[in-house]
Amino acid sequence: MITEKKDEKLVYVCRKCKNVEKSTDATTISEKMKEKKEVVTVFDEEKELEQYPIDKDAKCPECGKKGAHWFLRQTRAADEPPTIFYCCAHCKHKWREY
């Protein structure tokens, strides 16, 4: 028999015949989940931005000028390509490409 949750109580269920038996102890199942608030910071300070190379051909979607600092991060599974983060050298607009 396996245990299952039914009406916030544990019951025993037979896998073969599906017979249900009440649990003899007063065990209840409850689940509490905390909401995880995660802030993703692409660039912290303008000084930190200077350490990244500039792609002179990257065109800013905001101001239309060429030139943006960039770096790569593996944001998804290992078999997926990395994400390229950009920050315009002129207007400081931030964007990414997958």
PDB file of N, CA and C in Angstrom:
ATOM      1  N   MET A   1       0.849  -1.176   0.000  1.00  0.00           N
ATOM      2  CA  MET A   1       0.000   0.000   0.000  1.00  0.00           C
ATOM      3  C   MET A   1       0.893   1.237   0.000  1.00  0.00           C
ATOM      4  N   ILE A   2       0.409   2.256  -0.645  1.00  0.00           N
ATOM      5  CA  ILE A   2       1.118   3.532  -0.670  1.00  0.00           C
ATOM      6  C   ILE A   2       0.257   4.576   0.029  1.00  0.00           C
ATOM      7  N   THR A   3       0.900   5.641   0.475  1.00  0.00           N
ATOM      8  CA  THR A   3       0.147   6.706   1.134  1.00  0.00           C
ATOM      9  C   THR A   3      -0.189   7.790   0.122  1.00  0.00           C
ATOM     10  N   GLU A   4      -1.381   8.352   0.284  1.00  0.00           N
ATOM     11  CA  GLU A   4      -1.818   9.457  -0.553  1.00  0.00           C
ATOM     12  C   GLU A   4      -2.511  10.481   0.321  1.00  0.00           C
ATOM     13  N   LYS A   5      -2.565  11.696  -0.169  1.00  0.00           N
ATOM     14  CA  LYS A   5      -3.235  12.777   0.544  1.00  0.00           C
ATOM     15  C   LYS A   5      -4.675  12.874   0.040  1.00  0.00           C
ATOM     16  N   LYS A   6      -5.639  12.822   0.948  1.00  0.00           N
ATOM     17  CA  LYS A   6      -7.040  12.940   0.585  1.00  0.00           C
ATOM     18  C   LYS A   6      -7.730  13.753   1.668  1.00  0.00           C
ATOM     19  N   ASP A   7      -8.294  14.884   1.305  1.00  0.00           N
ATOM     20  CA  ASP A   7      -8.953  15.780   2.253  1.00  0.00           C
ATOM     21  C   ASP A   7      -8.014  16.173   3.396  1.00  0.00           C
ATOM     22  N   GLU A   8      -6.776  16.506   3.055  1.00  0.00           N
ATOM     23  CA  GLU A   8      -5.766  16.934   4.015  1.00  0.00           C
ATOM     24  C   GLU A   8      -5.355  15.860   5.018  1.00  0.00           C
ATOM     25  N   LYS A   9      -5.715  14.600   4.776  1.00  0.00           N
ATOM     26  CA  LYS A   9      -5.344  13.484   5.657  1.00  0.00           C
ATOM     27  C   LYS A   9      -4.628  12.423   4.831  1.00  0.00           C
ATOM     28  N   LEU A  10      -3.844  11.624   5.519  1.00  0.00           N
ATOM     29  CA  LEU A  10      -3.173  10.507   4.863  1.00  0.00           C
ATOM     30  C   LEU A  10      -4.086   9.291   4.813  1.00  0.00           C
ATOM     31  N   VAL A  11      -4.110   8.633   3.663  1.00  0.00           N
ATOM     32  CA  VAL A  11      -4.823   7.366   3.521  1.00  0.00           C
ATOM     33  C   VAL A  11      -3.880   6.387   2.846  1.00  0.00           C
ATOM     34  N   TYR A  12      -4.140   5.112   3.025  1.00  0.00           N
ATOM     35  CA  TYR A  12      -3.362   4.069   2.380  1.00  0.00           C
ATOM     36  C   TYR A  12      -4.160   3.537   1.201  1.00  0.00           C
ATOM     37  N   VAL A  13      -3.501   3.434   0.036  1.00  0.00           N
ATOM     38  CA  VAL A  13      -4.172   2.974  -1.176  1.00  0.00           C
ATOM     39  C   VAL A  13      -3.400   1.788  -1.734  1.00  0.00           C
ATOM     40  N   CYS A  14      -4.141   0.733  -2.060  1.00  0.00           N
ATOM     41  CA  CYS A  14      -3.536  -0.436  -2.688  1.00  0.00           C
ATOM     42  C   CYS A  14      -3.336  -0.134  -4.167  1.00  0.00           C
ATOM     43  N   ARG A  15      -2.125  -0.347  -4.656  1.00  0.00           N
ATOM     44  CA  ARG A  15      -1.836  -0.080  -6.072  1.00  0.00           C
ATOM     45  C   ARG A  15      -2.573  -1.039  -7.005  1.00  0.00           C
ATOM     46  N   LYS A  16      -2.810  -2.225  -6.537  1.00  0.00           N
ATOM     47  CA  LYS A  16      -3.411  -3.239  -7.398  1.00  0.00           C
ATOM     48  C   LYS A  16      -4.932  -3.114  -7.451  1.00  0.00           C
ATOM     49  N   CYS A  17      -5.592  -3.135  -6.296  1.00  0.00           N
ATOM     50  CA  CYS A  17      -7.061  -3.142  -6.282  1.00  0.00           C
ATOM     51  C   CYS A  17      -7.675  -1.775  -5.975  1.00  0.00           C
ATOM     52  N   LYS A  18      -6.839  -0.778  -5.657  1.00  0.00           N
ATOM     53  CA  LYS A  18      -7.292   0.587  -5.352  1.00  0.00           C
ATOM     54  C   LYS A  18      -8.107   0.691  -4.072  1.00  0.00           C
ATOM     55  N   ASN A  19      -8.004  -0.296  -3.198  1.00  0.00           N
ATOM     56  CA  ASN A  19      -8.685  -0.250  -1.911  1.00  0.00           C
ATOM     57  C   ASN A  19      -8.085   0.880  -1.073  1.00  0.00           C
ATOM     58  N   VAL A  20      -8.941   1.651  -0.385  1.00  0.00           N
ATOM     59  CA  VAL A  20      -8.497   2.779   0.420  1.00  0.00           C
ATOM     60  C   VAL A  20      -8.757   2.482   1.886  1.00  0.00           C
ATOM     61  N   GLU A  21      -7.732   2.649   2.718  1.00  0.00           N
ATOM     62  CA  GLU A  21      -7.842   2.464   4.166  1.00  0.00           C
ATOM     63  C   GLU A  21      -7.442   3.772   4.839  1.00  0.00           C
ATOM     64  N   LYS A  22      -8.155   4.130   5.889  1.00  0.00           N
ATOM     65  CA  LYS A  22      -7.800   5.324   6.644  1.00  0.00           C
ATOM     66  C   LYS A  22      -6.539   5.052   7.447  1.00  0.00           C
ATOM     67  N   SER A  23      -5.760   6.096   7.622  1.00  0.00           N
ATOM     68  CA  SER A  23      -4.565   6.004   8.446  1.00  0.00           C
ATOM     69  C   SER A  23      -4.984   5.960   9.908  1.00  0.00           C
ATOM     70  N   THR A  24      -4.308   5.126  10.690  1.00  0.00           N
ATOM     71  CA  THR A  24      -4.676   4.984  12.104  1.00  0.00           C
ATOM     72  C   THR A  24      -4.149   6.132  12.956  1.00  0.00           C
ATOM     73  N   ASP A  25      -3.098   6.824  12.488  1.00  0.00           N
ATOM     74  CA  ASP A  25      -2.599   7.956  13.255  1.00  0.00           C
ATOM     75  C   ASP A  25      -3.172   9.253  12.681  1.00  0.00           C
ATOM     76  N   ALA A  26      -3.078  10.291  13.434  1.00  0.00           N
ATOM     77  CA  ALA A  26      -3.674  11.572  13.054  1.00  0.00           C
ATOM     78  C   ALA A  26      -2.686  12.447  12.290  1.00  0.00           C
ATOM     79  N   THR A  27      -2.040  11.882  11.307  1.00  0.00           N
ATOM     80  CA  THR A  27      -1.062  12.619  10.526  1.00  0.00           C
ATOM     81  C   THR A  27      -1.755  13.424   9.443  1.00  0.00           C
ATOM     82  N   THR A  28      -1.375  14.681   9.325  1.00  0.00           N
ATOM     83  CA  THR A  28      -1.893  15.524   8.253  1.00  0.00           C
ATOM     84  C   THR A  28      -0.727  15.996   7.406  1.00  0.00           C
ATOM     85  N   ILE A  29      -1.035  16.326   6.198  1.00  0.00           N
ATOM     86  CA  ILE A  29      -0.016  16.817   5.274  1.00  0.00           C
ATOM     87  C   ILE A  29      -0.333  18.273   4.961  1.00  0.00           C
ATOM     88  N   SER A  30       0.665  19.096   5.102  1.00  0.00           N
ATOM     89  CA  SER A  30       0.510  20.490   4.698  1.00  0.00           C
ATOM     90  C   SER A  30       1.790  20.925   4.009  1.00  0.00           C
ATOM     91  N   GLU A  31       1.644  21.856   3.118  1.00  0.00           N
ATOM     92  CA  GLU A  31       2.788  22.315   2.346  1.00  0.00           C
ATOM     93  C   GLU A  31       2.776  23.835   2.340  1.00  0.00           C
ATOM     94  N   LYS A  32       3.879  24.422   2.735  1.00  0.00           N
ATOM     95  CA  LYS A  32       4.006  25.874   2.734  1.00  0.00           C
ATOM     96  C   LYS A  32       5.156  26.233   1.817  1.00  0.00           C
ATOM     97  N   MET A  33       4.901  27.163   0.932  1.00  0.00           N
ATOM     98  CA  MET A  33       5.941  27.619   0.011  1.00  0.00           C
ATOM     99  C   MET A  33       6.106  29.118   0.174  1.00  0.00           C
ATOM    100  N   LYS A  34       7.339  29.541   0.245  1.00  0.00           N
ATOM    101  CA  LYS A  34       7.623  30.959   0.327  1.00  0.00           C
ATOM    102  C   LYS A  34       7.885  31.489  -1.074  1.00  0.00           C
ATOM    103  N   GLU A  35       7.362  32.667  -1.332  1.00  0.00           N
ATOM    104  CA  GLU A  35       7.595  33.286  -2.625  1.00  0.00           C
ATOM    105  C   GLU A  35       9.025  33.798  -2.663  1.00  0.00           C
ATOM    106  N   LYS A  36       9.730  33.431  -3.697  1.00  0.00           N
ATOM    107  CA  LYS A  36      11.120  33.830  -3.815  1.00  0.00           C
ATOM    108  C   LYS A  36      11.196  35.049  -4.731  1.00  0.00           C
ATOM    109  N   LYS A  37      11.582  36.158  -4.152  1.00  0.00           N
ATOM    110  CA  LYS A  37      11.735  37.384  -4.931  1.00  0.00           C
ATOM    111  C   LYS A  37      13.206  37.533  -5.273  1.00  0.00           C
ATOM    112  N   GLU A  38      13.487  37.464  -6.553  1.00  0.00           N
ATOM    113  CA  GLU A  38      14.868  37.509  -7.003  1.00  0.00           C
ATOM    114  C   GLU A  38      15.068  38.722  -7.891  1.00  0.00           C
ATOM    115  N   VAL A  39      16.057  39.513  -7.580  1.00  0.00           N
ATOM    116  CA  VAL A  39      16.383  40.683  -8.374  1.00  0.00           C
ATOM    117  C   VAL A  39      17.616  40.353  -9.196  1.00  0.00           C
ATOM    118  N   VAL A  40      17.491  40.497 -10.497  1.00  0.00           N
ATOM    119  CA  VAL A  40      18.621  40.237 -11.383  1.00  0.00           C
ATOM    120  C   VAL A  40      19.254  41.570 -11.746  1.00  0.00           C
ATOM    121  N   THR A  41      20.507  41.745 -11.374  1.00  0.00           N
ATOM    122  CA  THR A  41      21.230  42.972 -11.675  1.00  0.00           C
ATOM    123  C   THR A  41      22.198  42.677 -12.803  1.00  0.00           C
ATOM    124  N   VAL A  42      22.012  43.354 -13.912  1.00  0.00           N
ATOM    125  CA  VAL A  42      22.894  43.133 -15.054  1.00  0.00           C
ATOM    126  C   VAL A  42      24.195  43.897 -14.861  1.00  0.00           C
ATOM    127  N   PHE A  43      24.103  45.181 -14.537  1.00  0.00           N
ATOM    128  CA  PHE A  43      25.277  46.006 -14.288  1.00  0.00           C
ATOM    129  C   PHE A  43      25.067  46.737 -12.972  1.00  0.00           C
ATOM    130  N   ASP A  44      26.043  46.661 -12.082  1.00  0.00           N
ATOM    131  CA  ASP A  44      25.914  47.319 -10.788  1.00  0.00           C
ATOM    132  C   ASP A  44      26.253  48.806 -10.859  1.00  0.00           C
ATOM    133  N   GLU A  45      27.422  49.103 -11.297  1.00  0.00           N
ATOM    134  CA  GLU A  45      27.916  50.476 -11.308  1.00  0.00           C
ATOM    135  C   GLU A  45      28.487  50.798 -12.682  1.00  0.00           C
ATOM    136  N   GLU A  46      28.591  52.066 -12.973  1.00  0.00           N
ATOM    137  CA  GLU A  46      29.182  52.464 -14.241  1.00  0.00           C
ATOM    138  C   GLU A  46      30.657  52.065 -14.306  1.00  0.00           C
ATOM    139  N   LYS A  47      31.337  52.050 -13.143  1.00  0.00           N
ATOM    140  CA  LYS A  47      32.743  51.626 -13.102  1.00  0.00           C
ATOM    141  C   LYS A  47      32.869  50.149 -13.479  1.00  0.00           C
ATOM    142  N   GLU A  48      31.923  49.346 -13.023  1.00  0.00           N
ATOM    143  CA  GLU A  48      31.954  47.926 -13.360  1.00  0.00           C
ATOM    144  C   GLU A  48      31.737  47.728 -14.850  1.00  0.00           C
ATOM    145  N   LEU A  49      30.945  48.590 -15.441  1.00  0.00           N
ATOM    146  CA  LEU A  49      30.650  48.502 -16.861  1.00  0.00           C
ATOM    147  C   LEU A  49      31.910  48.657 -17.707  1.00  0.00           C
ATOM    148  N   GLU A  50      32.836  49.457 -17.255  1.00  0.00           N
ATOM    149  CA  GLU A  50      34.055  49.731 -18.017  1.00  0.00           C
ATOM    150  C   GLU A  50      34.950  48.510 -18.177  1.00  0.00           C
ATOM    151  N   GLN A  51      34.799  47.496 -17.336  1.00  0.00           N
ATOM    152  CA  GLN A  51      35.655  46.306 -17.436  1.00  0.00           C
ATOM    153  C   GLN A  51      35.257  45.405 -18.596  1.00  0.00           C
ATOM    154  N   TYR A  52      34.060  45.600 -19.164  1.00  0.00           N
ATOM    155  CA  TYR A  52      33.585  44.751 -20.257  1.00  0.00           C
ATOM    156  C   TYR A  52      34.000  45.335 -21.604  1.00  0.00           C
ATOM    157  N   PRO A  53      34.270  44.468 -22.574  1.00  0.00           N
ATOM    158  CA  PRO A  53      34.666  44.957 -23.895  1.00  0.00           C
ATOM    159  C   PRO A  53      33.506  45.653 -24.617  1.00  0.00           C
ATOM    160  N   ILE A  54      33.844  46.437 -25.626  1.00  0.00           N
ATOM    161  CA  ILE A  54      32.823  47.142 -26.417  1.00  0.00           C
ATOM    162  C   ILE A  54      32.716  46.473 -27.777  1.00  0.00           C
ATOM    163  N   ASP A  55      31.492  46.173 -28.160  1.00  0.00           N
ATOM    164  CA  ASP A  55      31.201  45.694 -29.511  1.00  0.00           C
ATOM    165  C   ASP A  55      30.825  46.928 -30.324  1.00  0.00           C
ATOM    166  N   LYS A  56      31.716  47.338 -31.218  1.00  0.00           N
ATOM    167  CA  LYS A  56      31.501  48.566 -31.982  1.00  0.00           C
ATOM    168  C   LYS A  56      30.380  48.441 -33.003  1.00  0.00           C
ATOM    169  N   ASP A  57      29.982  47.211 -33.346  1.00  0.00           N
ATOM    170  CA  ASP A  57      28.930  47.006 -34.337  1.00  0.00           C
ATOM    171  C   ASP A  57      27.546  46.822 -33.719  1.00  0.00           C
ATOM    172  N   ALA A  58      27.462  46.671 -32.403  1.00  0.00           N
ATOM    173  CA  ALA A  58      26.167  46.471 -31.739  1.00  0.00           C
ATOM    174  C   ALA A  58      25.398  47.785 -31.760  1.00  0.00           C
ATOM    175  N   LYS A  59      24.189  47.740 -32.328  1.00  0.00           N
ATOM    176  CA  LYS A  59      23.359  48.942 -32.460  1.00  0.00           C
ATOM    177  C   LYS A  59      22.315  48.966 -31.343  1.00  0.00           C
ATOM    178  N   CYS A  60      22.273  50.064 -30.609  1.00  0.00           N
ATOM    179  CA  CYS A  60      21.334  50.209 -29.497  1.00  0.00           C
ATOM    180  C   CYS A  60      19.906  50.336 -30.032  1.00  0.00           C
ATOM    181  N   PRO A  61      18.970  49.509 -29.527  1.00  0.00           N
ATOM    182  CA  PRO A  61      17.581  49.603 -29.979  1.00  0.00           C
ATOM    183  C   PRO A  61      16.878  50.869 -29.464  1.00  0.00           C
ATOM    184  N   GLU A  62      17.467  51.539 -28.485  1.00  0.00           N
ATOM    185  CA  GLU A  62      16.849  52.735 -27.897  1.00  0.00           C
ATOM    186  C   GLU A  62      17.273  54.007 -28.624  1.00  0.00           C
ATOM    187  N   CYS A  63      18.592  54.248 -28.712  1.00  0.00           N
ATOM    188  CA  CYS A  63      19.072  55.499 -29.315  1.00  0.00           C
ATOM    189  C   CYS A  63      19.562  55.333 -30.747  1.00  0.00           C
ATOM    190  N   GLY A  64      19.802  54.096 -31.183  1.00  0.00           N
ATOM    191  CA  GLY A  64      20.214  53.829 -32.560  1.00  0.00           C
ATOM    192  C   GLY A  64      21.705  53.988 -32.822  1.00  0.00           C
ATOM    193  N   LYS A  65      22.479  54.363 -31.815  1.00  0.00           N
ATOM    194  CA  LYS A  65      23.920  54.525 -32.005  1.00  0.00           C
ATOM    195  C   LYS A  65      24.619  53.180 -31.857  1.00  0.00           C
ATOM    196  N   LYS A  66      25.798  53.085 -32.481  1.00  0.00           N
ATOM    197  CA  LYS A  66      26.584  51.858 -32.400  1.00  0.00           C
ATOM    198  C   LYS A  66      27.594  51.953 -31.268  1.00  0.00           C
ATOM    199  N   GLY A  67      27.846  50.802 -30.637  1.00  0.00           N
ATOM    200  CA  GLY A  67      28.816  50.711 -29.551  1.00  0.00           C
ATOM    201  C   GLY A  67      28.130  50.349 -28.253  1.00  0.00           C
ATOM    202  N   ALA A  68      28.451  49.149 -27.741  1.00  0.00           N
ATOM    203  CA  ALA A  68      27.845  48.697 -26.493  1.00  0.00           C
ATOM    204  C   ALA A  68      28.808  47.761 -25.767  1.00  0.00           C
ATOM    205  N   HIS A  69      28.859  47.909 -24.463  1.00  0.00           N
ATOM    206  CA  HIS A  69      29.599  46.958 -23.625  1.00  0.00           C
ATOM    207  C   HIS A  69      28.809  45.652 -23.616  1.00  0.00           C
ATOM    208  N   TRP A  70      29.506  44.513 -23.525  1.00  0.00           N
ATOM    209  CA  TRP A  70      28.807  43.224 -23.572  1.00  0.00           C
ATOM    210  C   TRP A  70      29.525  42.193 -22.707  1.00  0.00           C
ATOM    211  N   PHE A  71      28.759  41.162 -22.306  1.00  0.00           N
ATOM    212  CA  PHE A  71      29.323  39.987 -21.647  1.00  0.00           C
ATOM    213  C   PHE A  71      28.356  38.825 -21.820  1.00  0.00           C
ATOM    214  N   LEU A  72      28.867  37.602 -21.659  1.00  0.00           N
ATOM    215  CA  LEU A  72      28.081  36.377 -21.826  1.00  0.00           C
ATOM    216  C   LEU A  72      27.770  35.760 -20.471  1.00  0.00           C
ATOM    217  N   ARG A  73      26.576  35.180 -20.352  1.00  0.00           N
ATOM    218  CA  ARG A  73      26.194  34.415 -19.157  1.00  0.00           C
ATOM    219  C   ARG A  73      25.390  33.203 -19.611  1.00  0.00           C
ATOM    220  N   GLN A  74      25.618  32.084 -18.959  1.00  0.00           N
ATOM    221  CA  GLN A  74      24.837  30.875 -19.215  1.00  0.00           C
ATOM    222  C   GLN A  74      23.595  30.956 -18.331  1.00  0.00           C
ATOM    223  N   THR A  75      22.482  31.415 -18.879  1.00  0.00           N
ATOM    224  CA  THR A  75      21.272  31.635 -18.082  1.00  0.00           C
ATOM    225  C   THR A  75      20.283  30.488 -18.185  1.00  0.00           C
ATOM    226  N   ARG A  76      20.479  29.586 -19.142  1.00  0.00           N
ATOM    227  CA  ARG A  76      19.574  28.454 -19.299  1.00  0.00           C
ATOM    228  C   ARG A  76      20.374  27.157 -19.199  1.00  0.00           C
ATOM    229  N   ALA A  77      19.826  26.080 -19.699  1.00  0.00           N
ATOM    230  CA  ALA A  77      20.479  24.774 -19.609  1.00  0.00           C
ATOM    231  C   ALA A  77      21.822  24.788 -20.344  1.00  0.00           C
ATOM    232  N   ALA A  78      22.682  23.868 -19.984  1.00  0.00           N
ATOM    233  CA  ALA A  78      24.023  23.816 -20.559  1.00  0.00           C
ATOM    234  C   ALA A  78      24.017  23.519 -22.051  1.00  0.00           C
ATOM    235  N   ASP A  79      22.974  22.862 -22.543  1.00  0.00           N
ATOM    236  CA  ASP A  79      22.927  22.557 -23.971  1.00  0.00           C
ATOM    237  C   ASP A  79      22.315  23.701 -24.788  1.00  0.00           C
ATOM    238  N   GLU A  80      21.960  24.809 -24.155  1.00  0.00           N
ATOM    239  CA  GLU A  80      21.432  25.994 -24.823  1.00  0.00           C
ATOM    240  C   GLU A  80      22.562  27.007 -25.004  1.00  0.00           C
ATOM    241  N   PRO A  81      22.463  27.882 -26.002  1.00  0.00           N
ATOM    242  CA  PRO A  81      23.510  28.899 -26.156  1.00  0.00           C
ATOM    243  C   PRO A  81      23.456  29.924 -25.018  1.00  0.00           C
ATOM    244  N   PRO A  82      24.579  30.578 -24.717  1.00  0.00           N
ATOM    245  CA  PRO A  82      24.583  31.575 -23.636  1.00  0.00           C
ATOM    246  C   PRO A  82      23.830  32.837 -24.042  1.00  0.00           C
ATOM    247  N   THR A  83      23.471  33.648 -23.050  1.00  0.00           N
ATOM    248  CA  THR A  83      22.797  34.924 -23.282  1.00  0.00           C
ATOM    249  C   THR A  83      23.855  36.012 -23.343  1.00  0.00           C
ATOM    250  N   ILE A  84      23.725  36.919 -24.314  1.00  0.00           N
ATOM    251  CA  ILE A  84      24.635  38.046 -24.436  1.00  0.00           C
ATOM    252  C   ILE A  84      23.932  39.272 -23.869  1.00  0.00           C
ATOM    253  N   PHE A  85      24.530  39.893 -22.861  1.00  0.00           N
ATOM    254  CA  PHE A  85      23.988  41.111 -22.271  1.00  0.00           C
ATOM    255  C   PHE A  85      24.744  42.306 -22.849  1.00  0.00           C
ATOM    256  N   TYR A  86      23.998  43.343 -23.222  1.00  0.00           N
ATOM    257  CA  TYR A  86      24.576  44.560 -23.781  1.00  0.00           C
ATOM    258  C   TYR A  86      24.179  45.764 -22.938  1.00  0.00           C
ATOM    259  N   CYS A  87      25.033  46.781 -22.940  1.00  0.00           N
ATOM    260  CA  CYS A  87      24.706  48.079 -22.347  1.00  0.00           C
ATOM    261  C   CYS A  87      25.276  49.142 -23.270  1.00  0.00           C
ATOM    262  N   CYS A  88      24.418  50.013 -23.778  1.00  0.00           N
ATOM    263  CA  CYS A  88      24.825  51.044 -24.726  1.00  0.00           C
ATOM    264  C   CYS A  88      25.864  51.963 -24.088  1.00  0.00           C
ATOM    265  N   ALA A  89      26.932  52.235 -24.815  1.00  0.00           N
ATOM    266  CA  ALA A  89      27.998  53.103 -24.316  1.00  0.00           C
ATOM    267  C   ALA A  89      27.565  54.567 -24.301  1.00  0.00           C
ATOM    268  N   HIS A  90      26.463  54.897 -24.979  1.00  0.00           N
ATOM    269  CA  HIS A  90      26.023  56.286 -25.080  1.00  0.00           C
ATOM    270  C   HIS A  90      24.875  56.607 -24.125  1.00  0.00           C
ATOM    271  N   CYS A  91      23.776  55.839 -24.210  1.00  0.00           N
ATOM    272  CA  CYS A  91      22.577  56.152 -23.406  1.00  0.00           C
ATOM    273  C   CYS A  91      22.394  55.216 -22.213  1.00  0.00           C
ATOM    274  N   LYS A  92      23.259  54.210 -22.078  1.00  0.00           N
ATOM    275  CA  LYS A  92      23.227  53.225 -20.975  1.00  0.00           C
ATOM    276  C   LYS A  92      22.005  52.324 -21.000  1.00  0.00           C
ATOM    277  N   HIS A  93      21.304  52.230 -22.129  1.00  0.00           N
ATOM    278  CA  HIS A  93      20.172  51.303 -22.267  1.00  0.00           C
ATOM    279  C   HIS A  93      20.714  49.869 -22.215  1.00  0.00           C
ATOM    280  N   LYS A  94      20.001  48.987 -21.514  1.00  0.00           N
ATOM    281  CA  LYS A  94      20.437  47.589 -21.378  1.00  0.00           C
ATOM    282  C   LYS A  94      19.481  46.665 -22.110  1.00  0.00           C
ATOM    283  N   TRP A  95      20.029  45.675 -22.809  1.00  0.00           N
ATOM    284  CA  TRP A  95      19.225  44.671 -23.481  1.00  0.00           C
ATOM    285  C   TRP A  95      20.014  43.379 -23.570  1.00  0.00           C
ATOM    286  N   ARG A  96      19.348  42.325 -24.012  1.00  0.00           N
ATOM    287  CA  ARG A  96      20.022  41.028 -24.113  1.00  0.00           C
ATOM    288  C   ARG A  96      19.588  40.325 -25.386  1.00  0.00           C
ATOM    289  N   GLU A  97      20.426  39.401 -25.819  1.00  0.00           N
ATOM    290  CA  GLU A  97      20.137  38.559 -26.977  1.00  0.00           C
ATOM    291  C   GLU A  97      20.397  37.118 -26.584  1.00  0.00           C
ATOM    292  N   TYR A  98      19.521  36.245 -27.023  1.00  0.00           N
ATOM    293  CA  TYR A  98      19.653  34.828 -26.707  1.00  0.00           C
ATOM    294  C   TYR A  98      20.335  34.093 -27.817  1.00  0.00           C
TER     295      TYR A  98
END
